[in-house]
Amino acid sequence: MTLNELIDIHRIAKIDLLYLNTEEFELPILKGIDLTKFRPKLIVVEIFDLGKNFFESINKYLSSYSYKFLEKIPNSNDYIFSC
């Protein structure tokens, strides 16, 4: 089941904040939401990069939907993106 399907099932009309902490499955989950239809104002993604370029991949994907990287939350592995 995709995030889109869950949003539809629960009839969610608006998302202000999307927070993902899914142990390296953040990008597939992001790809499961229609970011043109559901446009969270902020997306926070926990990224443990460990040399796997997760940040670059997520940043590139979100940039293609006009999201911009804002900042890394201090003392955490959370990265904030906004539209």
N, C-alpha and C. Protein backbone atom coordinates (compact mmCIF):
# COMPACT_ATOMS: atom_id res chain seq x y z
N MET A 1 0.85 -1.17 0.00
CA MET A 1 0.00 0.00 0.00
C MET A 1 0.89 1.24 0.00
N THR A 2 0.55 2.20 -0.83
CA THR A 2 1.34 3.43 -0.91
C THR A 2 0.78 4.48 0.06
N LEU A 3 1.57 5.50 0.28
CA LEU A 3 1.11 6.60 1.12
C LEU A 3 -0.09 7.28 0.48
N ASN A 4 -0.10 7.40 -0.83
CA ASN A 4 -1.26 7.94 -1.55
C ASN A 4 -2.53 7.18 -1.21
N GLU A 5 -2.44 5.87 -1.22
CA GLU A 5 -3.61 5.03 -0.93
C GLU A 5 -4.10 5.25 0.50
N LEU A 6 -3.16 5.34 1.45
CA LEU A 6 -3.55 5.60 2.84
C LEU A 6 -4.23 6.96 2.99
N ILE A 7 -3.69 7.95 2.30
CA ILE A 7 -4.28 9.30 2.35
C ILE A 7 -5.70 9.27 1.79
N ASP A 8 -5.88 8.57 0.69
CA ASP A 8 -7.22 8.46 0.09
C ASP A 8 -8.19 7.70 1.00
N ILE A 9 -7.74 6.57 1.54
CA ILE A 9 -8.60 5.77 2.42
C ILE A 9 -9.10 6.59 3.61
N HIS A 10 -8.23 7.39 4.17
CA HIS A 10 -8.57 8.16 5.36
C HIS A 10 -9.10 9.56 5.04
N ARG A 11 -9.28 9.81 3.74
CA ARG A 11 -9.86 11.07 3.25
C ARG A 11 -9.15 12.30 3.80
N ILE A 12 -7.82 12.25 3.77
CA ILE A 12 -7.02 13.39 4.23
C ILE A 12 -6.95 14.39 3.08
N ALA A 13 -7.37 15.63 3.36
CA ALA A 13 -7.42 16.64 2.31
C ALA A 13 -6.17 17.52 2.26
N LYS A 14 -5.51 17.67 3.40
CA LYS A 14 -4.39 18.60 3.47
C LYS A 14 -3.32 18.05 4.41
N ILE A 15 -2.07 18.23 4.00
CA ILE A 15 -0.94 17.80 4.84
C ILE A 15 -0.03 19.00 5.04
N ASP A 16 0.14 19.40 6.30
CA ASP A 16 1.04 20.51 6.59
C ASP A 16 2.47 20.03 6.81
N LEU A 17 2.60 18.92 7.52
CA LEU A 17 3.92 18.38 7.86
C LEU A 17 3.93 16.88 7.60
N LEU A 18 4.92 16.45 6.86
CA LEU A 18 5.14 15.02 6.63
C LEU A 18 6.49 14.68 7.25
N TYR A 19 6.50 13.78 8.22
CA TYR A 19 7.74 13.37 8.89
C TYR A 19 7.98 11.90 8.59
N LEU A 20 9.15 11.61 8.04
CA LEU A 20 9.50 10.23 7.69
C LEU A 20 10.71 9.77 8.47
N ASN A 21 10.54 8.66 9.16
CA ASN A 21 11.63 8.00 9.87
C ASN A 21 11.39 6.51 9.63
N THR A 22 11.89 6.02 8.51
CA THR A 22 11.52 4.67 8.08
C THR A 22 12.73 3.79 7.77
N GLU A 23 13.86 4.12 8.41
CA GLU A 23 15.05 3.27 8.32
C GLU A 23 15.44 2.92 6.88
N GLU A 24 15.77 3.93 6.11
CA GLU A 24 16.29 3.81 4.74
C GLU A 24 15.22 3.55 3.68
N PHE A 25 13.94 3.63 4.03
CA PHE A 25 12.87 3.45 3.04
C PHE A 25 12.18 4.78 2.72
N GLU A 26 12.83 5.89 3.10
CA GLU A 26 12.22 7.20 2.92
C GLU A 26 11.95 7.51 1.44
N LEU A 27 12.92 7.25 0.57
CA LEU A 27 12.73 7.58 -0.84
C LEU A 27 11.61 6.76 -1.48
N PRO A 28 11.54 5.44 -1.29
CA PRO A 28 10.40 4.71 -1.85
C PRO A 28 9.05 5.20 -1.32
N ILE A 29 9.01 5.61 -0.05
CA ILE A 29 7.76 6.12 0.51
C ILE A 29 7.42 7.47 -0.10
N LEU A 30 8.43 8.33 -0.26
CA LEU A 30 8.19 9.61 -0.93
C LEU A 30 7.66 9.41 -2.35
N LYS A 31 8.17 8.40 -3.02
CA LYS A 31 7.71 8.13 -4.39
C LYS A 31 6.29 7.57 -4.40
N GLY A 32 5.77 7.19 -3.24
CA GLY A 32 4.42 6.66 -3.14
C GLY A 32 3.39 7.72 -2.80
N ILE A 33 3.78 8.98 -2.82
CA ILE A 33 2.83 10.07 -2.59
C ILE A 33 2.90 11.03 -3.78
N ASP A 34 1.76 11.45 -4.25
CA ASP A 34 1.67 12.39 -5.36
C ASP A 34 1.93 13.79 -4.81
N LEU A 35 3.15 14.27 -4.97
CA LEU A 35 3.53 15.56 -4.40
C LEU A 35 2.97 16.74 -5.18
N THR A 36 2.31 16.48 -6.28
CA THR A 36 1.61 17.56 -6.98
C THR A 36 0.18 17.69 -6.45
N LYS A 37 -0.39 16.58 -5.99
CA LYS A 37 -1.75 16.58 -5.44
C LYS A 37 -1.74 16.91 -3.95
N PHE A 38 -0.92 16.20 -3.20
CA PHE A 38 -0.77 16.43 -1.77
C PHE A 38 0.57 17.13 -1.60
N ARG A 39 0.54 18.37 -1.20
CA ARG A 39 1.74 19.18 -1.16
C ARG A 39 2.03 19.61 0.28
N PRO A 40 2.68 18.73 1.05
CA PRO A 40 3.02 19.14 2.42
C PRO A 40 3.87 20.40 2.41
N LYS A 41 3.58 21.31 3.32
CA LYS A 41 4.37 22.54 3.42
C LYS A 41 5.80 22.21 3.82
N LEU A 42 5.93 21.29 4.76
CA LEU A 42 7.25 20.86 5.23
C LEU A 42 7.35 19.34 5.18
N ILE A 43 8.51 18.87 4.78
CA ILE A 43 8.81 17.45 4.83
C ILE A 43 10.08 17.30 5.64
N VAL A 44 10.01 16.50 6.70
CA VAL A 44 11.18 16.22 7.53
C VAL A 44 11.52 14.76 7.32
N VAL A 45 12.78 14.53 6.99
CA VAL A 45 13.22 13.17 6.69
C VAL A 45 14.42 12.84 7.57
N GLU A 46 14.34 11.74 8.30
CA GLU A 46 15.50 11.27 9.05
C GLU A 46 16.39 10.51 8.08
N ILE A 47 17.63 10.94 8.00
CA ILE A 47 18.56 10.32 7.05
C ILE A 47 19.84 9.93 7.78
N PHE A 48 20.10 8.63 7.84
CA PHE A 48 21.39 8.12 8.30
C PHE A 48 22.15 7.78 7.02
N ASP A 49 22.97 8.68 6.57
CA ASP A 49 23.58 8.53 5.24
C ASP A 49 24.60 7.41 5.18
N LEU A 50 25.53 7.38 6.09
CA LEU A 50 26.56 6.33 6.14
C LEU A 50 27.19 6.06 4.77
N GLY A 51 27.43 7.13 4.02
CA GLY A 51 28.10 7.01 2.73
C GLY A 51 27.27 6.45 1.61
N LYS A 52 25.95 6.37 1.78
CA LYS A 52 25.10 5.76 0.76
C LYS A 52 24.39 6.80 -0.11
N ASN A 53 24.71 8.07 0.07
CA ASN A 53 24.14 9.16 -0.73
C ASN A 53 22.62 9.29 -0.59
N PHE A 54 22.07 8.91 0.54
CA PHE A 54 20.63 9.04 0.74
C PHE A 54 20.20 10.50 0.67
N PHE A 55 20.97 11.38 1.32
CA PHE A 55 20.59 12.79 1.30
C PHE A 55 20.53 13.31 -0.14
N GLU A 56 21.56 13.03 -0.93
CA GLU A 56 21.59 13.52 -2.30
C GLU A 56 20.41 12.99 -3.11
N SER A 57 20.08 11.73 -2.94
CA SER A 57 18.97 11.12 -3.67
C SER A 57 17.64 11.76 -3.28
N ILE A 58 17.44 11.94 -1.99
CA ILE A 58 16.19 12.54 -1.51
C ILE A 58 16.11 14.01 -1.92
N ASN A 59 17.20 14.73 -1.78
CA ASN A 59 17.23 16.14 -2.17
C ASN A 59 16.94 16.29 -3.66
N LYS A 60 17.53 15.46 -4.47
CA LYS A 60 17.30 15.51 -5.93
C LYS A 60 15.83 15.23 -6.25
N TYR A 61 15.27 14.21 -5.63
CA TYR A 61 13.88 13.86 -5.87
C TYR A 61 12.94 14.99 -5.46
N LEU A 62 13.12 15.50 -4.24
CA LEU A 62 12.25 16.57 -3.76
C LEU A 62 12.45 17.86 -4.57
N SER A 63 13.66 18.12 -5.00
CA SER A 63 13.93 19.30 -5.84
C SER A 63 13.14 19.24 -7.14
N SER A 64 12.93 18.05 -7.65
CA SER A 64 12.17 17.92 -8.90
C SER A 64 10.70 18.32 -8.70
N TYR A 65 10.26 18.45 -7.45
CA TYR A 65 8.91 18.93 -7.12
C TYR A 65 8.98 20.32 -6.48
N SER A 66 10.09 21.00 -6.70
CA SER A 66 10.30 22.38 -6.23
C SER A 66 10.41 22.50 -4.70
N TYR A 67 10.79 21.43 -4.03
CA TYR A 67 11.09 21.51 -2.61
C TYR A 67 12.55 21.94 -2.46
N LYS A 68 12.80 22.69 -1.42
CA LYS A 68 14.15 23.17 -1.15
C LYS A 68 14.60 22.67 0.22
N PHE A 69 15.86 22.28 0.28
CA PHE A 69 16.44 21.89 1.55
C PHE A 69 16.60 23.14 2.41
N LEU A 70 16.06 23.12 3.63
CA LEU A 70 16.17 24.26 4.54
C LEU A 70 17.35 24.11 5.49
N GLU A 71 17.31 23.03 6.27
CA GLU A 71 18.39 22.83 7.24
C GLU A 71 18.32 21.44 7.85
N LYS A 72 19.41 21.08 8.46
CA LYS A 72 19.49 19.85 9.27
C LYS A 72 19.22 20.28 10.71
N ILE A 73 18.33 19.57 11.37
CA ILE A 73 18.03 19.90 12.76
C ILE A 73 19.25 19.53 13.61
N PRO A 74 19.76 20.47 14.39
CA PRO A 74 20.95 20.20 15.20
C PRO A 74 20.78 18.98 16.11
N ASN A 75 21.87 18.26 16.27
CA ASN A 75 21.92 17.08 17.14
C ASN A 75 20.92 16.01 16.76
N SER A 76 20.65 15.90 15.47
CA SER A 76 19.73 14.87 14.99
C SER A 76 20.16 14.47 13.58
N ASN A 77 19.44 13.56 13.01
CA ASN A 77 19.65 13.17 11.62
C ASN A 77 18.43 13.57 10.78
N ASP A 78 17.72 14.60 11.24
CA ASP A 78 16.52 15.07 10.56
C ASP A 78 16.84 16.26 9.66
N TYR A 79 16.35 16.18 8.43
CA TYR A 79 16.57 17.21 7.41
C TYR A 79 15.21 17.78 7.01
N ILE A 80 15.14 19.12 6.95
CA ILE A 80 13.88 19.79 6.66
C ILE A 80 13.89 20.31 5.23
N PHE A 81 12.79 20.03 4.52
CA PHE A 81 12.58 20.51 3.16
C PHE A 81 11.26 21.28 3.14
N SER A 82 11.20 22.35 2.34
CA SER A 82 9.95 23.12 2.24
C SER A 82 9.63 23.38 0.77
N CYS A 83 8.34 23.62 0.53
CA CYS A 83 7.93 23.93 -0.86
C CYS A 83 7.74 25.42 -1.01
